[in-house]
């Protein structure tokens, strides 16, 4: 297929609208992965998976101030996390404009890849099947006797 550019304005539009990797960093709603490639971490699964509904560049700025990638570099390598380190070692795994689906996509990537830098403080609420099952817990003999006496008194 051959395209002919008839005037300067058309050629500038075509060049301006061409896909660019920098554009991805300015888009919103991503699931991303940071991989540490220093020392032994290059062969280990030293990764962090996160999601953002803001621009990825803004989320990376937050990681410079605090978070798992910063803590890992400081504690494991005695290094300071820089913007260039973050940008070079972060890749976008998926994009989704629906924040509810984005939570689920992030949880699925975390479950599948088992990143070592992710510390899940709360349960993965986006994946109810991963919540601890409390239905299968058998009552202790003491609990059973208490429930029997309470049902007799009623």
Protein backbone atom coordinates (compact mmCIF):
# COMPACT_ATOMS: atom_id res chain seq x y z
CA UNK A 1 0.00 0.00 0.00
CA UNK A 2 1.38 3.41 -0.96
CA UNK A 3 0.37 6.65 0.74
CA UNK A 4 0.99 9.96 -0.91
CA UNK A 5 1.22 13.00 1.31
CA UNK A 6 -0.36 15.82 -0.65
CA UNK A 7 0.47 18.76 1.60
CA UNK A 8 2.54 19.68 4.63
CA UNK A 9 -0.45 19.75 7.02
CA UNK A 10 -1.45 16.17 6.15
CA UNK A 11 2.09 14.91 6.60
CA UNK A 12 2.38 16.61 10.00
CA UNK A 13 -0.91 15.06 11.15
CA UNK A 14 0.20 11.64 10.04
CA UNK A 15 3.51 11.98 11.85
CA UNK A 16 1.93 13.50 14.95
CA UNK A 17 -0.62 10.69 15.32
CA UNK A 18 1.87 7.88 14.95
CA UNK A 19 2.00 5.47 17.90
CA UNK A 20 4.73 6.26 20.38
CA UNK A 21 5.85 4.41 23.49
CA UNK A 22 5.97 7.68 25.46
CA UNK A 23 2.23 8.01 24.87
CA UNK A 24 1.58 4.90 26.99
CA UNK A 25 3.07 6.56 30.05
CA UNK A 26 0.59 9.45 29.74
CA UNK A 27 -2.48 7.24 29.36
CA UNK A 28 -4.57 6.21 32.36
CA UNK A 29 -5.79 2.94 33.89
CA UNK A 30 -2.98 0.41 33.69
CA UNK A 31 -1.79 -2.73 35.40
CA UNK A 32 2.00 -2.51 35.43
CA UNK A 33 5.01 -4.54 36.54
CA UNK A 34 8.26 -3.25 38.04
CA UNK A 35 11.15 -5.73 37.82
CA UNK A 36 14.38 -5.34 39.77
CA UNK A 37 17.34 -6.34 37.62
CA UNK A 38 20.18 -5.59 40.05
CA UNK A 39 22.45 -8.32 41.38
CA UNK A 40 20.73 -11.63 42.12
CA UNK A 41 17.33 -10.07 41.50
CA UNK A 42 17.90 -10.49 37.75
CA UNK A 43 17.37 -14.26 38.11
CA UNK A 44 14.86 -14.11 40.98
CA UNK A 45 11.21 -13.11 40.69
CA UNK A 46 11.83 -9.70 42.28
CA UNK A 47 8.83 -7.98 40.75
CA UNK A 48 6.04 -5.70 41.86
CA UNK A 49 2.65 -5.62 40.17
CA UNK A 50 0.42 -2.62 40.64
CA UNK A 51 -2.42 -0.74 39.06
CA UNK A 52 -3.24 2.88 38.62
CA UNK A 53 -6.25 4.85 37.47
CA UNK A 54 -4.06 7.94 37.10
CA UNK A 55 -1.31 8.44 34.55
CA UNK A 56 1.47 5.90 34.98
CA UNK A 57 4.08 8.66 35.24
CA UNK A 58 2.21 10.08 38.25
CA UNK A 59 2.04 6.65 39.91
CA UNK A 60 5.77 6.16 39.36
CA UNK A 61 6.34 9.50 41.10
CA UNK A 62 4.51 8.13 44.16
CA UNK A 63 6.82 5.09 44.12
CA UNK A 64 9.80 7.45 44.32
CA UNK A 65 8.48 8.72 47.66
CA UNK A 66 7.36 5.41 49.17
CA UNK A 67 6.34 1.88 48.29
CA UNK A 68 7.65 -1.60 47.68
CA UNK A 69 10.11 -0.84 44.82
CA UNK A 70 11.76 1.96 46.83
CA UNK A 71 11.93 -0.15 49.99
CA UNK A 72 13.38 -3.13 48.09
CA UNK A 73 16.16 -1.10 46.44
CA UNK A 74 17.06 0.58 49.74
CA UNK A 75 17.06 -2.59 51.87
CA UNK A 76 18.40 -5.18 49.40
CA UNK A 77 20.83 -3.12 47.33
CA UNK A 78 21.52 -0.03 49.44
CA UNK A 79 20.51 2.09 46.45
CA UNK A 80 18.18 5.01 45.95
CA UNK A 81 15.30 4.58 43.53
CA UNK A 82 15.47 7.03 40.64
CA UNK A 83 12.97 8.05 37.99
CA UNK A 84 15.11 6.51 35.24
CA UNK A 85 15.36 3.18 37.12
CA UNK A 86 11.59 3.11 37.48
CA UNK A 87 10.92 3.95 33.83
CA UNK A 88 13.48 1.46 32.48
CA UNK A 89 12.21 -1.41 34.63
CA UNK A 90 8.45 -0.85 34.46
CA UNK A 91 6.25 -2.33 31.77
CA UNK A 92 2.53 -2.08 31.17
CA UNK A 93 0.84 -5.46 31.40
CA UNK A 94 -2.72 -4.42 30.57
CA UNK A 95 -4.98 -1.41 30.13
CA UNK A 96 -8.65 -1.16 31.10
CA UNK A 97 -10.80 1.93 31.59
CA UNK A 98 -13.22 0.24 34.04
CA UNK A 99 -11.70 0.56 37.56
CA UNK A 100 -13.64 -2.46 38.88
CA UNK A 101 -12.27 -4.67 36.13
CA UNK A 102 -8.81 -3.14 36.61
CA UNK A 103 -8.81 -4.36 40.24
CA UNK A 104 -9.68 -7.86 39.09
CA UNK A 105 -7.05 -7.83 36.33
CA UNK A 106 -4.40 -6.72 38.84
CA UNK A 107 -5.42 -9.47 41.29
CA UNK A 108 -5.25 -12.09 38.53
CA UNK A 109 -1.75 -10.95 37.50
CA UNK A 110 -0.64 -11.06 41.16
CA UNK A 111 -2.06 -14.56 41.57
CA UNK A 112 -0.52 -15.79 38.30
CA UNK A 113 2.95 -14.21 38.62
CA UNK A 114 3.36 -14.34 42.43
CA UNK A 115 5.56 -11.21 42.63
CA UNK A 116 7.84 -11.15 45.66
CA UNK A 117 7.75 -7.38 46.21
CA UNK A 118 3.96 -7.25 46.60
CA UNK A 119 2.96 -7.39 50.24
CA UNK A 120 -0.80 -7.81 50.40
CA UNK A 121 -1.97 -6.09 53.58
CA UNK A 122 -5.62 -6.88 52.91
CA UNK A 123 -7.31 -9.84 51.31
CA UNK A 124 -7.61 -9.79 47.55
CA UNK A 125 -11.18 -8.51 47.68
CA UNK A 126 -11.33 -8.47 43.90
CA UNK A 127 -11.03 -12.28 43.91
CA UNK A 128 -13.50 -13.63 46.52
CA UNK A 129 -12.41 -17.18 45.72
CA UNK A 130 -9.05 -16.39 47.35
CA UNK A 131 -10.57 -15.27 50.66
CA UNK A 132 -9.92 -17.62 53.59
CA UNK A 133 -12.65 -20.24 53.90
CA UNK A 134 -14.09 -20.12 57.41
CA UNK A 135 -17.06 -22.38 56.64
CA UNK A 136 -14.99 -25.58 56.86
CA UNK A 137 -13.74 -24.87 60.39
CA UNK A 138 -15.14 -27.38 62.88
CA UNK A 139 -16.17 -26.06 66.30
CA UNK A 140 -14.07 -27.15 69.25
CA UNK A 141 -15.78 -29.47 71.81
CA UNK A 142 -16.18 -26.48 74.14
CA UNK A 143 -17.90 -24.43 71.38
CA UNK A 144 -20.19 -27.38 70.57
CA UNK A 145 -21.24 -27.80 74.21
CA UNK A 146 -21.93 -24.06 74.56
CA UNK A 147 -24.11 -24.04 71.46
CA UNK A 148 -25.98 -27.13 72.71
CA UNK A 149 -26.76 -25.50 76.08
CA UNK A 150 -27.83 -22.25 74.43
CA UNK A 151 -30.20 -24.11 72.09
CA UNK A 152 -31.68 -26.09 75.05
CA UNK A 153 -32.44 -22.89 76.97
CA UNK A 154 -34.37 -21.43 74.05
